[in-house]
């Protein structure tokens, strides 16, 4: 099927041919020049002149390599765009025009102004094209996280598919998560590229990037609707302790809750110049452990239901190679070198970050093999009981009698006559003031593979004989008459 008015269809064969040419052509040109020079320039007879002869050929062929590579890499954005399938909110731009735009000399400020102007005119097509180019620029603005937006987009699409989203909503989730960090374009470079720990003031600046992202993506917000929360709320926490707004629970948009899980998983499993990658299995355990506090339990459950092999494929070879002790330093060195690469290289990789959710950026190593995981032990939740005095609170160690390697506890049905919260995989129950009687909490326990079981905790609240309370009162009466108080 070919491209339509608002949709790009993938052209993987053409993309491969262009990409192969972009990498082979500079090397071939350098080798041909070196061969021609070795024949055209007579070989000297002395060792000193012979060394100079070889050095001259090496220098000239290296210059040819650099120059041809610079021009050949301008084809990489086009190859990346040919590879992807993407639905636009309005008219789709041509891929050639988009590839030239991505690698053009237009300044960031000019692109921001153009996006805002397109939004003012309600021109979704121009706005989408400009914002897409802005997203590509993020890879050169923050090179240490190159490819991050692509992977977050891929994980988010998996979650949306698992949660039963239709194609239109999945497409909006992918757009929002692809743009989730676009607000970092407004963060000063000296903060983005700071090698050491950020100061409190610098961190406060970083915390503004979701708000700035909403400003940059403003032209697309009418189309994205509630799914724009993937941009503005991806750092909010389910318990209300996130930023920028401190929004809690389901008041956070669903796309924001999805982006939070996808973003965190990628940060944990990715190699960075300042940290090593952790295995996907550990990242899944961390998500399960933080379900109900940092993350929406329903979103975490959907993510854990996705096969580990698919998640490893998106994470890419650099992630699993970065977990091999002898290779960690090499992979981190490659990541550091990539972060210092020129804008031309970063632009090409950035364009790939716009690709289809199931496709990752080009890497230096073959994809990771999918390991067969041993079956997880069955999870069995056992009902619990507890006693507490009126106006007190009680902690239920619910995992003490449950079976399996439990990493998450989620409240399914809260109590009717009190409050319950999960703290370190334990239930803490507090009855309402002056309440006595029996209250119940339905909860579930889950392992790292997403296997869950439900149980009920029954709490008996004992009444307490409170001391009498003396209340000052006053009455009016007539002189010399008896009053009954």
Protein backbone atom coordinates (compact mmCIF):
# COMPACT_ATOMS: atom_id res chain seq x y z
CA UNK A 1 0.00 0.00 0.00
CA UNK A 2 1.32 3.43 -0.95
CA UNK A 3 1.35 6.70 0.93
CA UNK A 4 -1.97 8.47 1.38
CA UNK A 5 -2.80 12.11 2.04
CA UNK A 6 -2.20 11.84 5.79
CA UNK A 7 -0.16 8.66 6.14
CA UNK A 8 3.33 7.44 5.37
CA UNK A 9 3.81 3.76 4.60
CA UNK A 10 7.14 2.14 5.34
CA UNK A 11 9.62 1.55 2.50
CA UNK A 12 12.22 -0.63 4.26
CA UNK A 13 13.97 -1.86 1.09
CA UNK A 14 14.53 1.64 -0.28
CA UNK A 15 15.62 2.77 3.18
CA UNK A 16 18.19 -0.04 3.36
CA UNK A 17 19.60 0.78 -0.09
CA UNK A 18 20.00 4.48 0.75
CA UNK A 19 21.50 3.72 4.16
CA UNK A 20 23.95 1.21 2.70
CA UNK A 21 25.01 3.71 0.06
CA UNK A 22 25.50 6.42 2.70
CA UNK A 23 27.89 4.19 4.65
CA UNK A 24 29.67 2.47 1.76
CA UNK A 25 30.16 5.45 -0.57
CA UNK A 26 32.60 7.43 1.64
CA UNK A 27 34.75 4.37 2.32
CA UNK A 28 34.77 3.40 -1.35
CA UNK A 29 35.67 6.96 -2.39
CA UNK A 30 38.55 7.09 0.10
CA UNK A 31 39.89 3.70 -1.03
CA UNK A 32 39.69 4.68 -4.70
CA UNK A 33 41.54 7.95 -4.05
CA UNK A 34 44.20 6.13 -2.02
CA UNK A 35 44.65 3.54 -4.79
CA UNK A 36 44.87 6.23 -7.48
CA UNK A 37 47.41 8.27 -5.49
CA UNK A 38 49.55 5.19 -4.89
CA UNK A 39 49.75 4.70 -8.66
CA UNK A 40 49.99 8.36 -9.67
CA UNK A 41 52.73 9.37 -7.23
CA UNK A 42 56.02 7.49 -7.74
CA UNK A 43 57.12 5.49 -4.70
CA UNK A 44 60.33 6.98 -3.26
CA UNK A 45 63.41 4.88 -2.59
CA UNK A 46 64.42 6.12 0.88
CA UNK A 47 62.65 5.21 4.14
CA UNK A 48 62.07 8.81 5.14
CA UNK A 49 60.48 9.80 1.86
CA UNK A 50 58.57 6.50 1.79
CA UNK A 51 57.00 7.30 5.19
CA UNK A 52 56.10 10.79 3.95
CA UNK A 53 54.60 9.24 0.81
CA UNK A 54 52.34 6.97 2.86
CA UNK A 55 51.42 9.80 5.22
CA UNK A 56 50.40 12.03 2.30
CA UNK A 57 48.18 9.32 0.83
CA UNK A 58 46.64 8.67 4.26
CA UNK A 59 45.91 12.36 4.91
CA UNK A 60 44.39 12.99 1.48
CA UNK A 61 42.23 9.84 1.56
CA UNK A 62 41.06 10.73 5.09
CA UNK A 63 40.03 14.19 3.91
CA UNK A 64 38.10 12.59 1.04
CA UNK A 65 36.46 10.21 3.52
CA UNK A 66 35.39 13.07 5.80
CA UNK A 67 34.05 15.24 2.98
CA UNK A 68 32.10 12.48 1.23
CA UNK A 69 30.82 11.19 4.55
CA UNK A 70 29.45 14.64 5.38
CA UNK A 71 27.45 14.73 2.16
CA UNK A 72 26.45 11.06 2.27
CA UNK A 73 25.03 11.41 5.78
CA UNK A 74 22.56 13.95 4.46
CA UNK A 75 20.80 10.93 2.95
CA UNK A 76 20.30 9.24 6.33
CA UNK A 77 17.26 11.30 7.39
CA UNK A 78 15.57 10.35 4.12
CA UNK A 79 16.41 6.68 4.69
CA UNK A 80 14.97 6.85 8.19
CA UNK A 81 11.79 8.52 7.00
CA UNK A 82 11.35 5.92 4.25
CA UNK A 83 11.57 3.22 6.90
CA UNK A 84 8.71 4.42 9.05
CA UNK A 85 4.94 4.25 9.04
CA UNK A 86 3.36 7.38 10.49
CA UNK A 87 -0.13 8.86 10.57
CA UNK A 88 -0.42 12.66 10.58
CA UNK A 89 -3.25 14.72 12.07
CA UNK A 90 -3.71 16.41 8.69
CA UNK A 91 -1.84 16.46 5.38
CA UNK A 92 1.42 14.50 5.44
CA UNK A 93 4.53 16.33 4.19
CA UNK A 94 6.74 14.73 1.55
CA UNK A 95 9.59 12.72 3.02
CA UNK A 96 12.21 14.41 0.88
CA UNK A 97 11.12 17.87 2.06
CA UNK A 98 11.05 16.64 5.63
CA UNK A 99 14.54 15.15 5.39
CA UNK A 100 15.94 18.42 4.02
CA UNK A 101 14.16 20.30 6.80
CA UNK A 102 15.60 18.05 9.49
CA UNK A 103 19.16 18.62 8.36
CA UNK A 104 18.76 22.25 7.39
CA UNK A 105 20.45 25.31 8.80
CA UNK A 106 17.29 26.79 10.31
CA UNK A 107 17.89 27.91 13.90
CA UNK A 108 15.99 26.47 16.84
CA UNK A 109 14.43 29.86 17.60
CA UNK A 110 13.20 30.17 14.02
CA UNK A 111 11.63 26.71 14.15
CA UNK A 112 9.88 27.47 17.45
CA UNK A 113 8.49 30.71 16.04
CA UNK A 114 7.33 28.89 12.92
CA UNK A 115 5.55 26.22 14.99
CA UNK A 116 3.76 28.90 17.00
CA UNK A 117 2.75 30.74 13.82
CA UNK A 118 1.37 27.54 12.29
CA UNK A 119 -0.63 26.92 15.45
CA UNK A 120 -2.09 30.43 15.35
CA UNK A 121 -3.32 29.71 11.82
CA UNK A 122 -4.76 26.30 12.85
CA UNK A 123 -2.52 24.77 10.20
CA UNK A 124 -2.11 21.26 11.61
CA UNK A 125 -0.07 20.07 8.64
CA UNK A 126 2.60 22.78 8.95
CA UNK A 127 2.56 22.53 12.74
CA UNK A 128 3.08 18.75 12.69
CA UNK A 129 5.95 19.08 10.23
CA UNK A 130 7.66 21.80 12.28
CA UNK A 131 7.19 20.01 15.61
CA UNK A 132 8.50 16.80 14.06
CA UNK A 133 11.62 18.69 13.01
CA UNK A 134 11.89 20.15 16.52
CA UNK A 135 11.77 16.64 17.97
CA UNK A 136 14.62 15.66 15.66
CA UNK A 137 16.65 18.63 16.90
CA UNK A 138 16.38 17.31 20.45
CA UNK A 139 18.95 14.62 19.66
CA UNK A 140 21.59 17.23 18.95
CA UNK A 141 20.49 19.42 21.85
CA UNK A 142 20.67 16.51 24.33
CA UNK A 143 22.91 13.90 22.61
CA UNK A 144 23.35 11.78 25.75
CA UNK A 145 19.75 10.59 25.43
CA UNK A 146 19.81 9.97 21.67
CA UNK A 147 17.12 7.49 20.61
CA UNK A 148 15.27 7.83 23.93
CA UNK A 149 12.11 9.35 22.43
CA UNK A 150 11.93 6.57 19.84
CA UNK A 151 12.12 3.83 22.43
CA UNK A 152 9.63 5.51 24.76
CA UNK A 153 7.28 5.80 21.80
CA UNK A 154 7.71 2.10 21.07
CA UNK A 155 7.10 0.99 24.67
CA UNK A 156 4.08 3.29 24.94
CA UNK A 157 2.58 1.81 21.78
CA UNK A 158 3.00 -1.69 23.23
CA UNK A 159 1.17 -0.61 26.39
CA UNK A 160 -1.61 1.07 24.42
CA UNK A 161 -2.04 -2.07 22.32
CA UNK A 162 -2.13 -4.24 25.45
CA UNK A 163 -4.77 -1.96 27.00
CA UNK A 164 -6.99 -2.27 23.93
CA UNK A 165 -6.64 1.19 22.38
CA UNK A 166 -8.01 1.62 18.86
CA UNK A 167 -5.70 2.70 16.03
CA UNK A 168 -6.56 6.40 16.28
CA UNK A 169 -5.87 6.57 20.02
CA UNK A 170 -2.69 4.51 19.66
CA UNK A 171 -1.46 6.97 17.07
CA UNK A 172 -2.08 9.90 19.44
CA UNK A 173 -0.27 8.10 22.26
CA UNK A 174 2.71 7.53 19.95
CA UNK A 175 2.81 11.18 18.93
CA UNK A 176 2.61 12.39 22.55
CA UNK A 177 5.32 10.02 23.75
CA UNK A 178 7.54 10.83 20.79
CA UNK A 179 7.32 14.49 21.88
CA UNK A 180 7.40 13.89 25.65
CA UNK A 181 10.82 15.51 26.17
CA UNK A 182 10.56 18.21 23.51
CA UNK A 183 10.45 20.83 26.27
CA UNK A 184 14.13 20.17 26.93
CA UNK A 185 14.83 22.29 23.86
CA UNK A 186 14.21 25.29 26.14
CA UNK A 187 16.62 24.04 28.81
CA UNK A 188 19.99 25.85 28.49
CA UNK A 189 22.79 23.78 26.97
CA UNK A 190 25.04 24.39 29.97
CA UNK A 191 22.51 22.52 32.13
CA UNK A 192 21.74 19.79 29.58
CA UNK A 193 25.43 19.00 29.00
CA UNK A 194 26.66 19.51 32.56
CA UNK A 195 28.90 16.51 33.38
CA UNK A 196 28.41 16.58 37.14
CA UNK A 197 25.48 16.67 39.53
CA UNK A 198 22.90 19.41 38.99
CA UNK A 199 22.36 22.05 41.65
CA UNK A 200 18.91 22.50 43.18
CA UNK A 201 18.32 25.58 41.04
CA UNK A 202 19.39 23.74 37.88
CA UNK A 203 17.09 20.84 38.71
CA UNK A 204 14.21 23.28 39.13
CA UNK A 205 14.91 24.48 35.58
CA UNK A 206 14.88 20.89 34.29
CA UNK A 207 11.53 20.32 36.02
CA UNK A 208 9.98 22.93 33.76
CA UNK A 209 10.47 20.87 30.61
CA UNK A 210 7.00 19.21 30.66
CA UNK A 211 5.37 22.65 30.80
CA UNK A 212 7.65 23.97 28.07
CA UNK A 213 6.88 20.88 26.02
CA UNK A 214 3.18 21.68 26.14
CA UNK A 215 3.97 25.18 24.93
CA UNK A 216 6.02 23.92 21.99
CA UNK A 217 3.41 21.31 21.07
CA UNK A 218 0.53 23.79 21.46
CA UNK A 219 -0.42 23.68 17.74
CA UNK A 220 -1.12 19.93 18.05
CA UNK A 221 -2.96 20.04 21.39
CA UNK A 222 -6.46 20.36 19.85
CA UNK A 223 -5.80 17.17 17.90
CA UNK A 224 -4.07 15.29 20.72
CA UNK A 225 -6.75 16.19 23.27
CA UNK A 226 -6.33 14.34 26.58
CA UNK A 227 -3.42 12.38 25.12
CA UNK A 228 -1.28 15.52 25.37
CA UNK A 229 -0.76 14.47 29.00
CA UNK A 230 2.02 12.27 27.64
CA UNK A 231 3.95 15.51 27.16
CA UNK A 232 2.86 17.58 30.14
CA UNK A 233 2.39 14.92 32.83
CA UNK A 234 4.96 12.20 32.15
CA UNK A 235 6.82 13.12 35.36
CA UNK A 236 3.74 13.14 37.59
CA UNK A 237 3.52 10.33 40.15
CA UNK A 238 0.47 8.26 41.00
CA UNK A 239 0.87 9.23 44.67
CA UNK A 240 0.89 12.95 43.84
CA UNK A 241 4.57 13.62 44.56
CA UNK A 242 5.63 14.23 40.95
CA UNK A 243 6.07 17.38 38.92
CA UNK A 244 5.25 19.91 37.55
CA UNK A 245 1.73 19.99 39.04
CA UNK A 246 1.72 17.35 41.78
CA UNK A 247 -1.30 15.70 40.14
CA UNK A 248 -2.45 12.44 41.75
CA UNK A 249 -3.96 9.13 40.67
CA UNK A 250 -6.32 9.04 37.72
CA UNK A 251 -6.36 12.84 37.61
CA UNK A 252 -3.16 12.28 35.63
CA UNK A 253 -4.06 11.74 31.98
CA UNK A 254 -3.81 8.14 30.81
CA UNK A 255 -1.16 9.00 28.23
CA UNK A 256 0.87 10.66 30.99
CA UNK A 257 0.64 7.51 33.11
CA UNK A 258 1.68 5.39 30.13
CA UNK A 259 4.58 7.69 29.27
CA UNK A 260 5.81 7.59 32.88
CA UNK A 261 6.15 3.79 32.77
CA UNK A 262 7.71 3.74 29.29
CA UNK A 263 10.11 6.57 30.13
CA UNK A 264 11.31 4.97 33.37
CA UNK A 265 11.82 1.55 31.79
CA UNK A 266 13.98 3.06 29.04
CA UNK A 267 16.05 5.11 31.49
CA UNK A 268 16.77 1.99 33.56
CA UNK A 269 17.69 -0.24 30.60
CA UNK A 270 19.63 2.29 28.51
CA UNK A 271 23.38 2.85 28.46
CA UNK A 272 24.36 6.42 29.19
CA UNK A 273 27.76 8.06 29.42
CA UNK A 274 27.19 8.45 33.17
CA UNK A 275 25.61 5.08 34.01
CA UNK A 276 25.39 1.43 33.06
CA UNK A 277 22.32 -0.31 31.72
CA UNK A 278 20.37 -2.62 34.00
CA UNK A 279 18.69 -5.80 32.73
CA UNK A 280 15.12 -5.58 31.51
CA UNK A 281 14.08 -8.10 34.17
CA UNK A 282 15.34 -5.79 36.93
CA UNK A 283 13.58 -2.84 35.34
CA UNK A 284 10.31 -4.80 35.32
CA UNK A 285 10.77 -5.62 39.00
CA UNK A 286 11.36 -1.93 39.74
CA UNK A 287 8.18 -0.96 37.91
CA UNK A 288 6.20 -3.59 39.79
CA UNK A 289 7.67 -2.46 43.12
CA UNK A 290 6.65 1.15 42.45
CA UNK A 291 3.16 0.31 41.16
CA UNK A 292 0.60 2.18 43.22
CA UNK A 293 3.10 4.77 44.42
CA UNK A 294 4.99 6.13 41.43
CA UNK A 295 3.03 4.40 38.66
CA UNK A 296 -0.53 3.48 37.81
CA UNK A 297 -0.92 -0.24 38.70
CA UNK A 298 -3.12 -0.86 35.65
CA UNK A 299 -0.49 0.54 33.29
CA UNK A 300 2.28 -1.43 35.00
CA UNK A 301 0.21 -4.61 34.74
CA UNK A 302 -0.29 -4.02 31.02
CA UNK A 303 3.44 -3.45 30.54
CA UNK A 304 4.36 -6.59 32.49
CA UNK A 305 1.99 -8.61 30.29
CA UNK A 306 4.14 -7.73 27.26
CA UNK A 307 6.75 -10.33 26.38
CA UNK A 308 10.22 -9.64 27.70
CA UNK A 309 11.66 -10.47 24.28
CA UNK A 310 9.76 -7.62 22.62
CA UNK A 311 10.96 -5.19 25.27
CA UNK A 312 14.57 -6.32 24.85
CA UNK A 313 14.28 -5.86 21.09
CA UNK A 314 13.25 -2.23 21.50
CA UNK A 315 15.95 -1.63 24.14
CA UNK A 316 18.51 -2.60 21.53
CA UNK A 317 21.89 -4.37 21.53
CA UNK A 318 23.76 -1.57 23.31
CA UNK A 319 21.49 -2.12 26.29
CA UNK A 320 22.13 -5.84 26.77
CA UNK A 321 25.80 -5.56 25.80
CA UNK A 322 26.13 -2.86 28.44
CA UNK A 323 25.21 -5.45 31.05
CA UNK A 324 28.25 -7.64 30.25
CA UNK A 325 30.98 -6.69 32.77
CA UNK A 326 33.91 -6.80 30.31
CA UNK A 327 31.98 -4.82 27.71
CA UNK A 328 30.41 -2.15 29.91
CA UNK A 329 33.28 0.30 29.66
CA UNK A 330 33.45 -0.10 25.87
CA UNK A 331 29.72 0.49 25.43
CA UNK A 332 29.80 3.49 27.75
CA UNK A 333 32.75 4.83 25.77
CA UNK A 334 30.78 4.47 22.55
CA UNK A 335 27.87 6.29 24.15
CA UNK A 336 30.14 9.09 25.33
CA UNK A 337 31.67 9.40 21.88
CA UNK A 338 28.21 9.50 20.35
CA UNK A 339 27.21 12.31 22.69
CA UNK A 340 30.13 14.36 21.40
CA UNK A 341 29.45 13.68 17.72
CA UNK A 342 28.62 16.43 15.27
CA UNK A 343 25.17 17.72 14.51
CA UNK A 344 25.08 15.96 11.14
CA UNK A 345 25.33 12.52 12.70
CA UNK A 346 22.85 13.40 15.43
CA UNK A 347 20.35 14.67 12.87
CA UNK A 348 20.42 11.35 11.04
CA UNK A 349 19.85 9.44 14.24
CA UNK A 350 17.16 11.91 15.27
CA UNK A 351 15.22 11.23 12.11
CA UNK A 352 15.26 7.53 12.94
CA UNK A 353 13.76 8.44 16.33
CA UNK A 354 10.64 9.46 14.42
CA UNK A 355 10.32 5.96 12.97
CA UNK A 356 7.77 3.23 13.49
CA UNK A 357 7.34 2.07 17.05
CA UNK A 358 8.66 -1.40 16.36
CA UNK A 359 11.86 -0.13 14.72
CA UNK A 360 14.94 1.03 16.60
CA UNK A 361 17.81 3.24 15.52
CA UNK A 362 20.75 1.69 13.65
CA UNK A 363 23.22 0.10 16.01
CA UNK A 364 26.73 -1.31 15.89
CA UNK A 365 25.84 -4.84 16.95
CA UNK A 366 23.26 -7.50 16.03
CA UNK A 367 20.02 -7.67 17.96
CA UNK A 368 19.96 -9.44 21.29
CA UNK A 369 18.85 -13.06 21.31
CA UNK A 370 15.59 -13.66 23.11
CA UNK A 371 16.28 -15.87 26.10
CA UNK A 372 13.81 -18.48 27.28
CA UNK A 373 12.74 -17.55 30.78
CA UNK A 374 11.99 -20.20 33.40
CA UNK A 375 8.32 -20.35 34.42
CA UNK A 376 7.50 -18.12 37.36
CA UNK A 377 6.21 -19.78 40.54
CA UNK A 378 2.47 -19.45 41.01
CA UNK A 379 1.38 -16.42 43.00
CA UNK A 380 -1.18 -17.16 45.72
CA UNK A 381 -2.71 -14.42 47.85
CA UNK A 382 -4.18 -15.46 51.22
CA UNK A 383 -6.87 -13.51 53.09
CA UNK A 384 -5.70 -11.52 56.11
CA UNK A 385 -7.30 -10.26 59.33
CA UNK A 386 -6.30 -7.59 61.81
CA UNK A 387 -7.55 -5.75 64.90
CA UNK A 388 -7.23 -2.04 65.58
CA UNK A 389 -8.65 0.32 68.17
CA UNK A 390 -10.96 3.12 67.18
CA UNK A 391 -9.04 6.19 65.93
CA UNK A 392 -5.85 4.13 65.59
CA UNK A 393 -4.09 2.52 62.61
CA UNK A 394 -2.68 -0.91 61.82
CA UNK A 395 -0.09 -2.32 59.40
CA UNK A 396 -0.95 -5.63 57.75
CA UNK A 397 2.08 -7.67 56.68
CA UNK A 398 0.10 -9.27 53.90
CA UNK A 399 3.09 -10.89 52.20
CA UNK A 400 3.87 -13.00 55.26
CA UNK A 401 1.31 -15.67 54.33
CA UNK A 402 1.27 -15.24 50.53
CA UNK A 403 3.06 -17.56 48.11
CA UNK A 404 5.46 -16.58 45.30
CA UNK A 405 8.10 -13.94 44.62
CA UNK A 406 5.90 -10.91 45.14
CA UNK A 407 7.18 -7.53 44.00
CA UNK A 408 4.00 -5.43 44.00
CA UNK A 409 0.87 -4.94 46.08
CA UNK A 410 -2.07 -3.01 44.64
CA UNK A 411 -5.34 -1.98 46.26
CA UNK A 412 -8.29 -2.99 44.06
CA UNK A 413 -11.26 -2.03 46.26
CA UNK A 414 -10.51 0.47 49.03
CA UNK A 415 -12.20 0.27 52.45
CA UNK A 416 -15.61 1.90 52.92
CA UNK A 417 -14.99 3.21 56.43
CA UNK A 418 -11.37 4.24 56.40
CA UNK A 419 -8.30 4.73 54.25
CA UNK A 420 -5.68 2.22 53.09
CA UNK A 421 -2.34 2.73 51.41
CA UNK A 422 0.57 0.54 50.34
CA UNK A 423 3.87 1.19 52.11
CA UNK A 424 6.83 -1.11 51.33
CA UNK A 425 4.42 -3.78 50.06
CA UNK A 426 2.41 -3.67 53.29
CA UNK A 427 -1.11 -2.36 53.85
CA UNK A 428 -1.56 0.48 56.32
CA UNK A 429 -5.21 0.91 57.38
CA UNK A 430 -6.66 3.88 59.28
CA UNK A 431 -10.38 3.87 60.20
CA UNK A 432 -12.53 6.95 59.89
CA UNK A 433 -12.86 9.03 63.08
CA UNK A 434 -15.25 7.52 65.64
CA UNK A 435 -15.86 4.45 63.44
CA UNK A 436 -16.05 0.98 64.97
CA UNK A 437 -16.98 -2.28 63.30
CA UNK A 438 -15.63 -4.39 60.42
CA UNK A 439 -14.02 -3.03 57.26
CA UNK A 440 -12.56 -4.85 54.25
CA UNK A 441 -9.87 -4.13 51.66
CA UNK A 442 -9.58 -6.11 48.43
CA UNK A 443 -6.01 -6.18 47.13
CA UNK A 444 -3.79 -8.07 44.72
CA UNK A 445 -0.19 -9.24 44.79
CA UNK A 446 1.91 -9.57 41.61
CA UNK A 447 5.29 -10.97 40.62
CA UNK A 448 7.76 -9.50 38.13
CA UNK A 449 6.18 -11.44 35.24
CA UNK A 450 2.78 -9.86 35.80
CA UNK A 451 1.16 -12.90 37.44
CA UNK A 452 -1.31 -11.68 40.07
CA UNK A 453 -3.77 -13.04 42.62
CA UNK A 454 -6.39 -11.31 44.78
CA UNK A 455 -7.26 -11.54 48.46
CA UNK A 456 -9.27 -9.68 51.11
CA UNK A 457 -7.97 -8.09 54.28
CA UNK A 458 -10.60 -7.83 57.03
CA UNK A 459 -10.01 -5.30 59.79
CA UNK A 460 -12.04 -5.21 62.99
CA UNK A 461 -12.13 -1.78 64.61
CA UNK A 462 -12.74 -2.01 68.37
CA UNK A 463 -14.73 0.79 70.00
CA UNK A 464 -12.96 2.81 72.66
CA UNK A 465 -14.69 4.41 75.66
CA UNK A 466 -13.58 7.99 75.25
CA UNK A 467 -13.32 10.23 78.32
CA UNK A 468 -16.28 12.58 78.81
CA UNK A 469 -15.81 16.00 77.33
CA UNK A 470 -16.73 19.04 79.43
CA UNK A 471 -18.28 21.83 77.40
CA UNK A 472 -18.74 25.33 78.75
CA UNK A 473 -22.34 26.57 78.49
CA UNK A 474 -24.35 29.55 79.67
CA UNK A 475 -28.01 30.27 80.45
CA UNK A 476 -30.08 33.35 81.15
CA UNK A 477 -32.46 33.63 84.14
CA UNK A 478 -34.54 35.96 86.30
CA UNK A 479 -33.25 37.19 89.63
CA UNK A 480 -34.38 35.16 92.69
CA UNK A 481 -35.72 32.28 90.51
CA UNK A 482 -34.36 28.71 90.41
CA UNK A 483 -32.72 27.55 87.16
CA UNK A 484 -32.50 23.92 85.95
CA UNK A 485 -29.25 23.26 84.01
